[in-house]
Amino acid sequence: MKILLSAHMDLARPVMSIKMDDKNLLGLVDNFAGVFASYQASRKTGVPVEYTNFEELEFDGAEAVAKALDKDTLVIVVDTTTETTEGKEGYIGNLYGINTEELKAKFGDRIRIREDYFEATEDETIIYGKKFGFKTFYYGITIRPKYHDPDNSITLEDIDKASRVLVDLITWYKDK
């Protein structure tokens, strides 16, 4: 099975920049926490990553990527969420074509796995999974306080932790 990470990189107006210091990513970090975590996971596993644009406008980037993929590809959409991990290391939702029982058996103690379709039409999983029929799921990295807030933040430690869990997921799927 081929694996692709997909993270969108668009930055919503009117914010002109985000800031990173030695401990935090600050500002409208909604997309970039996912970009940073997917970069790290890609470098550690060799799995390719596509940084899509226009997620906020009809998913044009995901559409273009999906049209070029082999049908035997698992697409992991890496993005931010305001969902809680419920004390676990990671968060997964919006699963399409994924054996949830197997995933829960392997990662249920580390990752919150939400089986329903939260925000069912508002992230790229609807393009990859529903429209194009790829196995896909959403890997969410929790930010605060809410989506599209110019005062959002996430610690660099949390991005690193999310990347480590993502590496473990990728390794497991590669070894299956």
N, C-alpha and C. Protein backbone atom coordinates (compact mmCIF):
# COMPACT_ATOMS: atom_id res chain seq x y z
N MET A 1 0.85 -1.18 0.00
CA MET A 1 0.00 0.00 0.00
C MET A 1 0.89 1.24 0.00
N LYS A 2 0.54 2.19 -0.83
CA LYS A 2 1.23 3.48 -0.84
C LYS A 2 0.60 4.37 0.21
N ILE A 3 1.39 5.28 0.76
CA ILE A 3 0.88 6.21 1.77
C ILE A 3 1.27 7.61 1.35
N LEU A 4 0.34 8.53 1.49
CA LEU A 4 0.58 9.94 1.20
C LEU A 4 0.07 10.77 2.37
N LEU A 5 0.88 11.72 2.80
CA LEU A 5 0.42 12.71 3.76
C LEU A 5 -0.08 13.92 2.98
N SER A 6 -1.19 14.49 3.41
CA SER A 6 -1.73 15.68 2.77
C SER A 6 -1.99 16.72 3.85
N ALA A 7 -1.39 17.87 3.70
CA ALA A 7 -1.59 18.97 4.65
C ALA A 7 -1.78 20.25 3.84
N HIS A 8 -2.76 21.05 4.22
CA HIS A 8 -2.94 22.27 3.45
C HIS A 8 -2.17 23.43 4.06
N MET A 9 -1.75 24.34 3.20
CA MET A 9 -0.81 25.38 3.61
C MET A 9 -1.36 26.79 3.47
N ASP A 10 -2.61 26.92 3.14
CA ASP A 10 -3.15 28.27 2.95
C ASP A 10 -3.28 29.00 4.28
N LEU A 11 -3.01 30.29 4.23
CA LEU A 11 -3.10 31.15 5.41
C LEU A 11 -4.21 32.17 5.14
N ALA A 12 -5.22 32.14 5.98
CA ALA A 12 -6.40 32.98 5.75
C ALA A 12 -6.11 34.46 6.03
N ARG A 13 -6.66 35.31 5.22
CA ARG A 13 -6.57 36.76 5.44
C ARG A 13 -7.44 37.12 6.62
N PRO A 14 -7.21 38.15 7.33
CA PRO A 14 -6.29 39.24 7.06
C PRO A 14 -4.93 39.06 7.73
N VAL A 15 -4.65 37.87 8.28
CA VAL A 15 -3.39 37.64 8.96
C VAL A 15 -2.26 37.58 7.94
N MET A 16 -1.22 38.33 8.19
CA MET A 16 -0.10 38.39 7.25
C MET A 16 1.06 37.49 7.63
N SER A 17 1.11 37.04 8.90
CA SER A 17 2.19 36.15 9.32
C SER A 17 1.80 35.43 10.59
N ILE A 18 2.59 34.39 10.91
CA ILE A 18 2.49 33.72 12.20
C ILE A 18 3.89 33.77 12.81
N LYS A 19 3.99 33.52 14.10
CA LYS A 19 5.26 33.66 14.79
C LYS A 19 5.63 32.34 15.46
N MET A 20 6.92 32.05 15.46
CA MET A 20 7.42 30.91 16.20
C MET A 20 8.56 31.38 17.09
N ASP A 21 8.46 31.06 18.37
CA ASP A 21 9.58 31.36 19.27
C ASP A 21 10.21 30.03 19.68
N ASP A 22 10.93 29.98 20.77
CA ASP A 22 11.62 28.75 21.15
C ASP A 22 10.70 27.68 21.75
N LYS A 23 9.44 28.04 22.03
CA LYS A 23 8.53 27.08 22.64
C LYS A 23 7.18 26.94 21.94
N ASN A 24 6.76 27.94 21.17
CA ASN A 24 5.40 27.97 20.65
C ASN A 24 5.33 28.42 19.20
N LEU A 25 4.25 28.01 18.56
CA LEU A 25 3.83 28.55 17.28
C LEU A 25 2.61 29.39 17.61
N LEU A 26 2.63 30.66 17.24
CA LEU A 26 1.61 31.61 17.69
C LEU A 26 0.97 32.33 16.51
N GLY A 27 -0.32 32.58 16.63
CA GLY A 27 -1.07 33.31 15.60
C GLY A 27 -2.08 32.38 14.94
N LEU A 28 -2.38 32.62 13.70
CA LEU A 28 -3.34 31.80 12.97
C LEU A 28 -2.63 30.53 12.50
N VAL A 29 -2.40 29.63 13.46
CA VAL A 29 -1.57 28.45 13.24
C VAL A 29 -2.37 27.27 12.71
N ASP A 30 -3.63 27.50 12.39
CA ASP A 30 -4.55 26.43 12.01
C ASP A 30 -3.92 25.44 11.04
N ASN A 31 -3.30 25.90 10.01
CA ASN A 31 -2.78 24.98 9.01
C ASN A 31 -1.33 24.59 9.26
N PHE A 32 -0.55 25.46 9.82
CA PHE A 32 0.89 25.23 9.86
C PHE A 32 1.35 24.24 10.91
N ALA A 33 0.60 24.01 11.94
CA ALA A 33 0.96 22.94 12.87
C ALA A 33 0.92 21.60 12.12
N GLY A 34 -0.06 21.42 11.25
CA GLY A 34 -0.15 20.22 10.42
C GLY A 34 0.96 20.15 9.39
N VAL A 35 1.31 21.29 8.81
CA VAL A 35 2.40 21.34 7.84
C VAL A 35 3.71 20.92 8.51
N PHE A 36 3.98 21.46 9.70
CA PHE A 36 5.24 21.14 10.39
C PHE A 36 5.29 19.67 10.81
N ALA A 37 4.19 19.14 11.35
CA ALA A 37 4.16 17.74 11.77
C ALA A 37 4.30 16.79 10.58
N SER A 38 3.63 17.10 9.47
CA SER A 38 3.73 16.23 8.31
C SER A 38 5.13 16.29 7.69
N TYR A 39 5.77 17.44 7.74
CA TYR A 39 7.15 17.55 7.26
C TYR A 39 8.05 16.61 8.07
N GLN A 40 7.94 16.68 9.39
CA GLN A 40 8.78 15.83 10.24
C GLN A 40 8.52 14.35 9.96
N ALA A 41 7.24 13.98 9.87
CA ALA A 41 6.89 12.57 9.64
C ALA A 41 7.38 12.10 8.27
N SER A 42 7.28 12.95 7.28
CA SER A 42 7.76 12.60 5.95
C SER A 42 9.27 12.37 5.95
N ARG A 43 10.00 13.25 6.61
CA ARG A 43 11.47 13.14 6.66
C ARG A 43 11.90 11.86 7.39
N LYS A 44 11.14 11.46 8.41
CA LYS A 44 11.52 10.29 9.20
C LYS A 44 11.11 8.96 8.57
N THR A 45 10.08 8.99 7.70
CA THR A 45 9.55 7.74 7.15
C THR A 45 9.77 7.60 5.65
N GLY A 46 10.06 8.69 4.97
CA GLY A 46 10.20 8.65 3.52
C GLY A 46 8.88 8.70 2.78
N VAL A 47 7.78 8.79 3.52
CA VAL A 47 6.46 8.89 2.90
C VAL A 47 6.31 10.29 2.30
N PRO A 48 5.84 10.39 1.06
CA PRO A 48 5.69 11.72 0.47
C PRO A 48 4.59 12.54 1.13
N VAL A 49 4.73 13.84 1.01
CA VAL A 49 3.72 14.75 1.52
C VAL A 49 3.37 15.74 0.42
N GLU A 50 2.10 16.03 0.29
CA GLU A 50 1.62 17.06 -0.63
C GLU A 50 1.05 18.19 0.22
N TYR A 51 1.57 19.38 -0.01
CA TYR A 51 1.05 20.56 0.68
C TYR A 51 0.08 21.24 -0.27
N THR A 52 -1.19 21.10 0.04
CA THR A 52 -2.22 21.61 -0.87
C THR A 52 -2.60 23.04 -0.51
N ASN A 53 -3.13 23.71 -1.49
CA ASN A 53 -3.62 25.07 -1.32
C ASN A 53 -5.12 25.09 -1.61
N PHE A 54 -5.76 26.14 -1.22
CA PHE A 54 -7.18 26.39 -1.50
C PHE A 54 -8.12 25.44 -0.76
N GLU A 55 -7.69 24.91 0.38
CA GLU A 55 -8.59 24.09 1.19
C GLU A 55 -9.77 24.92 1.65
N GLU A 56 -9.54 26.18 1.88
CA GLU A 56 -10.61 27.05 2.34
C GLU A 56 -11.58 27.42 1.22
N LEU A 57 -11.21 27.11 -0.03
CA LEU A 57 -12.03 27.44 -1.20
C LEU A 57 -12.25 26.21 -2.07
N GLU A 58 -13.17 25.36 -1.70
CA GLU A 58 -13.59 24.22 -2.53
C GLU A 58 -12.57 23.10 -2.66
N PHE A 59 -11.52 23.06 -1.87
CA PHE A 59 -10.58 21.94 -1.86
C PHE A 59 -9.85 21.73 -3.19
N ASP A 60 -9.57 22.80 -3.90
CA ASP A 60 -8.95 22.68 -5.22
C ASP A 60 -7.62 21.93 -5.17
N GLY A 61 -6.81 22.16 -4.15
CA GLY A 61 -5.53 21.48 -4.04
C GLY A 61 -5.70 19.98 -3.85
N ALA A 62 -6.59 19.57 -2.96
CA ALA A 62 -6.83 18.14 -2.73
C ALA A 62 -7.41 17.48 -3.97
N GLU A 63 -8.26 18.17 -4.68
CA GLU A 63 -8.81 17.64 -5.94
C GLU A 63 -7.69 17.35 -6.93
N ALA A 64 -6.78 18.30 -7.09
CA ALA A 64 -5.67 18.11 -8.04
C ALA A 64 -4.78 16.95 -7.63
N VAL A 65 -4.49 16.83 -6.35
CA VAL A 65 -3.65 15.73 -5.87
C VAL A 65 -4.35 14.39 -6.06
N ALA A 66 -5.62 14.32 -5.69
CA ALA A 66 -6.37 13.06 -5.78
C ALA A 66 -6.41 12.52 -7.21
N LYS A 67 -6.53 13.39 -8.17
CA LYS A 67 -6.61 12.96 -9.58
C LYS A 67 -5.33 12.27 -10.04
N ALA A 68 -4.21 12.53 -9.38
CA ALA A 68 -2.93 11.98 -9.81
C ALA A 68 -2.49 10.75 -8.99
N LEU A 69 -3.28 10.35 -8.00
CA LEU A 69 -2.87 9.26 -7.11
C LEU A 69 -3.25 7.88 -7.64
N ASP A 70 -2.44 6.89 -7.30
CA ASP A 70 -2.75 5.50 -7.53
C ASP A 70 -3.89 5.11 -6.58
N LYS A 71 -4.81 4.30 -7.04
CA LYS A 71 -5.99 3.93 -6.23
C LYS A 71 -5.64 3.13 -4.98
N ASP A 72 -4.43 2.59 -4.91
CA ASP A 72 -4.02 1.82 -3.75
C ASP A 72 -3.27 2.69 -2.75
N THR A 73 -3.68 3.93 -2.61
CA THR A 73 -3.00 4.88 -1.73
C THR A 73 -3.84 5.16 -0.49
N LEU A 74 -3.20 5.09 0.65
CA LEU A 74 -3.80 5.56 1.90
C LEU A 74 -3.41 7.03 2.05
N VAL A 75 -4.40 7.89 2.18
CA VAL A 75 -4.14 9.32 2.34
C VAL A 75 -4.42 9.70 3.79
N ILE A 76 -3.40 10.23 4.46
CA ILE A 76 -3.57 10.72 5.82
C ILE A 76 -3.57 12.25 5.75
N VAL A 77 -4.72 12.83 6.04
CA VAL A 77 -4.85 14.29 6.04
C VAL A 77 -4.38 14.78 7.40
N VAL A 78 -3.35 15.59 7.41
CA VAL A 78 -2.78 16.10 8.66
C VAL A 78 -3.20 17.56 8.79
N ASP A 79 -3.92 17.86 9.84
CA ASP A 79 -4.47 19.20 10.00
C ASP A 79 -4.61 19.48 11.49
N THR A 80 -5.10 20.64 11.79
CA THR A 80 -5.35 20.99 13.18
C THR A 80 -6.82 20.78 13.51
N THR A 81 -7.07 20.67 14.78
CA THR A 81 -8.43 20.48 15.27
C THR A 81 -8.58 21.21 16.60
N THR A 82 -9.79 21.47 16.97
CA THR A 82 -10.07 21.98 18.31
C THR A 82 -10.66 20.86 19.17
N GLU A 83 -10.74 19.66 18.60
CA GLU A 83 -11.20 18.50 19.34
C GLU A 83 -10.17 18.12 20.40
N THR A 84 -10.64 17.59 21.48
CA THR A 84 -9.75 17.12 22.53
C THR A 84 -9.24 15.72 22.20
N THR A 85 -8.06 15.42 22.64
CA THR A 85 -7.53 14.06 22.50
C THR A 85 -7.99 13.17 23.64
N GLU A 86 -8.70 13.77 24.59
CA GLU A 86 -9.18 13.07 25.79
C GLU A 86 -8.02 12.42 26.54
N GLY A 87 -6.91 13.16 26.63
CA GLY A 87 -5.75 12.70 27.39
C GLY A 87 -4.83 11.76 26.64
N LYS A 88 -5.13 11.50 25.37
CA LYS A 88 -4.28 10.61 24.58
C LYS A 88 -3.30 11.44 23.77
N GLU A 89 -2.41 10.77 23.06
CA GLU A 89 -1.33 11.45 22.33
C GLU A 89 -1.77 12.02 20.99
N GLY A 90 -2.86 11.53 20.43
CA GLY A 90 -3.28 11.97 19.11
C GLY A 90 -4.77 11.88 18.92
N TYR A 91 -5.21 12.26 17.73
CA TYR A 91 -6.64 12.31 17.41
C TYR A 91 -6.83 11.90 15.95
N ILE A 92 -7.76 10.99 15.71
CA ILE A 92 -8.12 10.57 14.36
C ILE A 92 -9.63 10.65 14.21
N GLY A 93 -10.05 11.10 13.03
CA GLY A 93 -11.48 11.15 12.71
C GLY A 93 -11.68 11.03 11.21
N ASN A 94 -12.94 11.11 10.80
CA ASN A 94 -13.32 11.07 9.38
C ASN A 94 -12.64 9.92 8.63
N LEU A 95 -12.91 8.71 9.07
CA LEU A 95 -12.28 7.53 8.47
C LEU A 95 -13.10 7.04 7.28
N TYR A 96 -12.43 6.82 6.18
CA TYR A 96 -13.03 6.25 4.97
C TYR A 96 -12.25 4.99 4.59
N GLY A 97 -12.94 3.84 4.54
CA GLY A 97 -12.31 2.60 4.10
C GLY A 97 -11.26 2.05 5.04
N ILE A 98 -11.27 2.48 6.27
CA ILE A 98 -10.28 2.08 7.27
C ILE A 98 -10.89 1.05 8.21
N ASN A 99 -10.15 -0.02 8.49
CA ASN A 99 -10.59 -1.02 9.45
C ASN A 99 -10.41 -0.41 10.86
N THR A 100 -11.50 0.09 11.41
CA THR A 100 -11.40 0.80 12.69
C THR A 100 -11.09 -0.14 13.86
N GLU A 101 -11.57 -1.37 13.79
CA GLU A 101 -11.29 -2.31 14.88
C GLU A 101 -9.81 -2.61 14.97
N GLU A 102 -9.18 -2.81 13.83
CA GLU A 102 -7.74 -3.06 13.78
C GLU A 102 -6.96 -1.84 14.27
N LEU A 103 -7.38 -0.66 13.84
CA LEU A 103 -6.73 0.58 14.25
C LEU A 103 -6.88 0.80 15.75
N LYS A 104 -8.07 0.55 16.27
CA LYS A 104 -8.30 0.69 17.71
C LYS A 104 -7.47 -0.31 18.51
N ALA A 105 -7.37 -1.53 18.02
CA ALA A 105 -6.60 -2.55 18.73
C ALA A 105 -5.13 -2.14 18.84
N LYS A 106 -4.60 -1.54 17.80
CA LYS A 106 -3.19 -1.17 17.80
C LYS A 106 -2.93 0.17 18.47
N PHE A 107 -3.81 1.17 18.26
CA PHE A 107 -3.54 2.53 18.72
C PHE A 107 -4.59 3.12 19.67
N GLY A 108 -5.60 2.35 20.02
CA GLY A 108 -6.68 2.88 20.85
C GLY A 108 -6.24 3.42 22.20
N ASP A 109 -5.15 2.89 22.73
CA ASP A 109 -4.64 3.37 24.01
C ASP A 109 -3.86 4.68 23.86
N ARG A 110 -3.41 5.01 22.63
CA ARG A 110 -2.59 6.21 22.40
C ARG A 110 -3.32 7.32 21.65
N ILE A 111 -4.32 6.92 20.84
CA ILE A 111 -4.96 7.88 19.95
C ILE A 111 -6.47 7.84 20.15
N ARG A 112 -7.06 9.01 20.28
CA ARG A 112 -8.52 9.08 20.31
C ARG A 112 -9.00 8.86 18.88
N ILE A 113 -9.82 7.83 18.69
CA ILE A 113 -10.32 7.50 17.36
C ILE A 113 -11.82 7.75 17.35
N ARG A 114 -12.21 8.77 16.64
CA ARG A 114 -13.62 9.16 16.55
C ARG A 114 -14.18 8.61 15.24
N GLU A 115 -15.17 7.74 15.34
CA GLU A 115 -15.66 7.03 14.16
C GLU A 115 -16.70 7.78 13.35
N ASP A 116 -17.32 8.80 13.90
CA ASP A 116 -18.30 9.53 13.11
C ASP A 116 -17.60 10.59 12.26
N TYR A 117 -18.35 11.25 11.41
CA TYR A 117 -17.78 12.26 10.52
C TYR A 117 -18.01 13.65 11.10
N PHE A 118 -17.07 14.09 11.95
CA PHE A 118 -17.14 15.45 12.48
C PHE A 118 -16.83 16.38 11.32
N GLU A 119 -17.40 17.52 11.29
CA GLU A 119 -17.16 18.46 10.19
C GLU A 119 -17.09 17.71 8.87
N ALA A 120 -18.08 16.95 8.59
CA ALA A 120 -18.06 15.97 7.50
C ALA A 120 -17.79 16.56 6.12
N THR A 121 -18.05 17.81 5.94
CA THR A 121 -17.84 18.42 4.61
C THR A 121 -16.79 19.52 4.64
N GLU A 122 -16.01 19.62 5.72
CA GLU A 122 -15.13 20.76 5.89
C GLU A 122 -13.64 20.44 5.91
N ASP A 123 -13.24 19.26 5.50
CA ASP A 123 -11.80 18.98 5.37
C ASP A 123 -11.59 18.04 4.19
N GLU A 124 -10.35 17.86 3.82
CA GLU A 124 -10.00 17.15 2.60
C GLU A 124 -10.38 15.67 2.59
N THR A 125 -10.69 15.09 3.74
CA THR A 125 -11.07 13.67 3.72
C THR A 125 -12.30 13.44 2.86
N ILE A 126 -13.17 14.43 2.76
CA ILE A 126 -14.35 14.26 1.92
C ILE A 126 -13.96 14.14 0.44
N ILE A 127 -12.88 14.80 0.05
CA ILE A 127 -12.41 14.71 -1.32
C ILE A 127 -11.72 13.37 -1.55
N TYR A 128 -10.72 13.07 -0.73
CA TYR A 128 -9.96 11.83 -0.91
C TYR A 128 -10.82 10.59 -0.67
N GLY A 129 -11.58 10.59 0.43
CA GLY A 129 -12.32 9.40 0.82
C GLY A 129 -13.65 9.23 0.14
N LYS A 130 -14.47 10.26 0.19
CA LYS A 130 -15.83 10.13 -0.34
C LYS A 130 -15.86 10.31 -1.86
N LYS A 131 -15.28 11.38 -2.35
CA LYS A 131 -15.37 11.67 -3.79
C LYS A 131 -14.51 10.74 -4.64
N PHE A 132 -13.27 10.45 -4.19
CA PHE A 132 -12.35 9.65 -5.00
C PHE A 132 -12.17 8.21 -4.52
N GLY A 133 -12.73 7.87 -3.36
CA GLY A 133 -12.72 6.48 -2.89
C GLY A 133 -11.42 5.96 -2.32
N PHE A 134 -10.53 6.85 -1.89
CA PHE A 134 -9.29 6.41 -1.26
C PHE A 134 -9.54 6.04 0.19
N LYS A 135 -8.73 5.12 0.71
CA LYS A 135 -8.69 4.92 2.15
C LYS A 135 -8.07 6.20 2.70
N THR A 136 -8.73 6.79 3.67
CA THR A 136 -8.22 8.05 4.21
C THR A 136 -8.73 8.27 5.62
N PHE A 137 -8.00 9.09 6.36
CA PHE A 137 -8.48 9.57 7.65
C PHE A 137 -7.80 10.89 7.97
N TYR A 138 -8.39 11.56 8.93
CA TYR A 138 -7.95 12.88 9.40
C TYR A 138 -7.11 12.68 10.65
N TYR A 139 -5.90 13.15 10.64
CA TYR A 139 -5.05 13.12 11.83
C TYR A 139 -4.98 14.55 12.35
N GLY A 140 -5.64 14.81 13.47
CA GLY A 140 -5.76 16.17 13.98
C GLY A 140 -4.78 16.49 15.09
N ILE A 141 -4.26 17.71 15.03
CA ILE A 141 -3.35 18.24 16.03
C ILE A 141 -4.10 19.37 16.75
N THR A 142 -4.30 19.23 18.03
CA THR A 142 -5.14 20.17 18.77
C THR A 142 -4.48 21.52 18.98
N ILE A 143 -5.21 22.57 18.58
CA ILE A 143 -4.80 23.95 18.80
C ILE A 143 -5.85 24.62 19.67
N ARG A 144 -5.51 25.75 20.21
CA ARG A 144 -6.43 26.54 21.05
C ARG A 144 -6.32 28.01 20.69
N PRO A 145 -7.36 28.80 20.83
CA PRO A 145 -8.65 28.44 21.42
C PRO A 145 -9.68 27.95 20.39
N LYS A 146 -9.66 28.43 19.14
CA LYS A 146 -10.67 28.02 18.16
C LYS A 146 -10.13 28.20 16.75
N TYR A 147 -10.83 27.61 15.80
CA TYR A 147 -10.43 27.75 14.40
C TYR A 147 -10.41 29.20 13.96
N HIS A 148 -9.49 29.50 13.08
CA HIS A 148 -9.40 30.80 12.40
C HIS A 148 -9.28 31.97 13.37
N ASP A 149 -8.66 31.72 14.49
CA ASP A 149 -8.44 32.78 15.47
C ASP A 149 -7.00 33.26 15.35
N PRO A 150 -6.79 34.56 15.16
CA PRO A 150 -5.42 35.06 15.02
C PRO A 150 -4.60 34.94 16.31
N ASP A 151 -5.24 34.55 17.41
CA ASP A 151 -4.54 34.37 18.68
C ASP A 151 -4.36 32.90 19.04
N ASN A 152 -4.46 32.00 18.07
CA ASN A 152 -4.26 30.58 18.33
C ASN A 152 -2.82 30.29 18.72
N SER A 153 -2.62 29.14 19.34
CA SER A 153 -1.26 28.72 19.66
C SER A 153 -1.20 27.22 19.83
N ILE A 154 0.02 26.72 19.71
CA ILE A 154 0.31 25.33 19.99
C ILE A 154 1.78 25.29 20.38
N THR A 155 2.13 24.41 21.30
CA THR A 155 3.54 24.31 21.68
C THR A 155 4.29 23.51 20.62
N LEU A 156 5.56 23.81 20.47
CA LEU A 156 6.39 23.04 19.55
C LEU A 156 6.52 21.60 20.05
N GLU A 157 6.48 21.42 21.35
CA GLU A 157 6.51 20.08 21.93
C GLU A 157 5.29 19.27 21.48
N ASP A 158 4.11 19.91 21.44
CA ASP A 158 2.90 19.21 20.98
C ASP A 158 2.99 18.86 19.49
N ILE A 159 3.59 19.73 18.69
CA ILE A 159 3.79 19.41 17.27
C ILE A 159 4.75 18.23 17.14
N ASP A 160 5.81 18.23 17.92
CA ASP A 160 6.77 17.12 17.89
C ASP A 160 6.11 15.82 18.33
N LYS A 161 5.30 15.87 19.37
CA LYS A 161 4.60 14.68 19.85
C LYS A 161 3.65 14.15 18.77
N ALA A 162 2.92 15.06 18.14
CA ALA A 162 2.01 14.65 17.07
C ALA A 162 2.77 14.00 15.93
N SER A 163 3.93 14.52 15.63
CA SER A 163 4.76 13.94 14.58
C SER A 163 5.22 12.53 14.94
N ARG A 164 5.61 12.33 16.18
CA ARG A 164 6.04 10.99 16.61
C ARG A 164 4.92 9.97 16.48
N VAL A 165 3.72 10.35 16.88
CA VAL A 165 2.58 9.43 16.76
C VAL A 165 2.29 9.16 15.29
N LEU A 166 2.37 10.19 14.47
CA LEU A 166 2.15 10.04 13.04
C LEU A 166 3.19 9.10 12.42
N VAL A 167 4.42 9.20 12.84
CA VAL A 167 5.47 8.29 12.37
C VAL A 167 5.12 6.86 12.75
N ASP A 168 4.64 6.64 13.96
CA ASP A 168 4.26 5.29 14.40
C ASP A 168 3.10 4.76 13.56
N LEU A 169 2.13 5.60 13.25
CA LEU A 169 1.00 5.19 12.40
C LEU A 169 1.50 4.80 11.01
N ILE A 170 2.34 5.64 10.43
CA ILE A 170 2.86 5.36 9.09
C ILE A 170 3.66 4.07 9.08
N THR A 171 4.52 3.89 10.06
CA THR A 171 5.34 2.68 10.15
C THR A 171 4.46 1.44 10.24
N TRP A 172 3.41 1.51 11.03
CA TRP A 172 2.50 0.39 11.18
C TRP A 172 1.81 0.08 9.86
N TYR A 173 1.31 1.10 9.18
CA TYR A 173 0.65 0.86 7.90
C TYR A 173 1.65 0.35 6.84
N LYS A 174 2.87 0.83 6.85
CA LYS A 174 3.87 0.34 5.90
C LYS A 174 4.21 -1.13 6.14
N ASP A 175 4.21 -1.55 7.40
CA ASP A 175 4.57 -2.93 7.74
C ASP A 175 3.43 -3.92 7.58
N LYS A 176 2.23 -3.43 7.34
CA LYS A 176 1.06 -4.34 7.21
C LYS A 176 1.12 -5.13 5.93
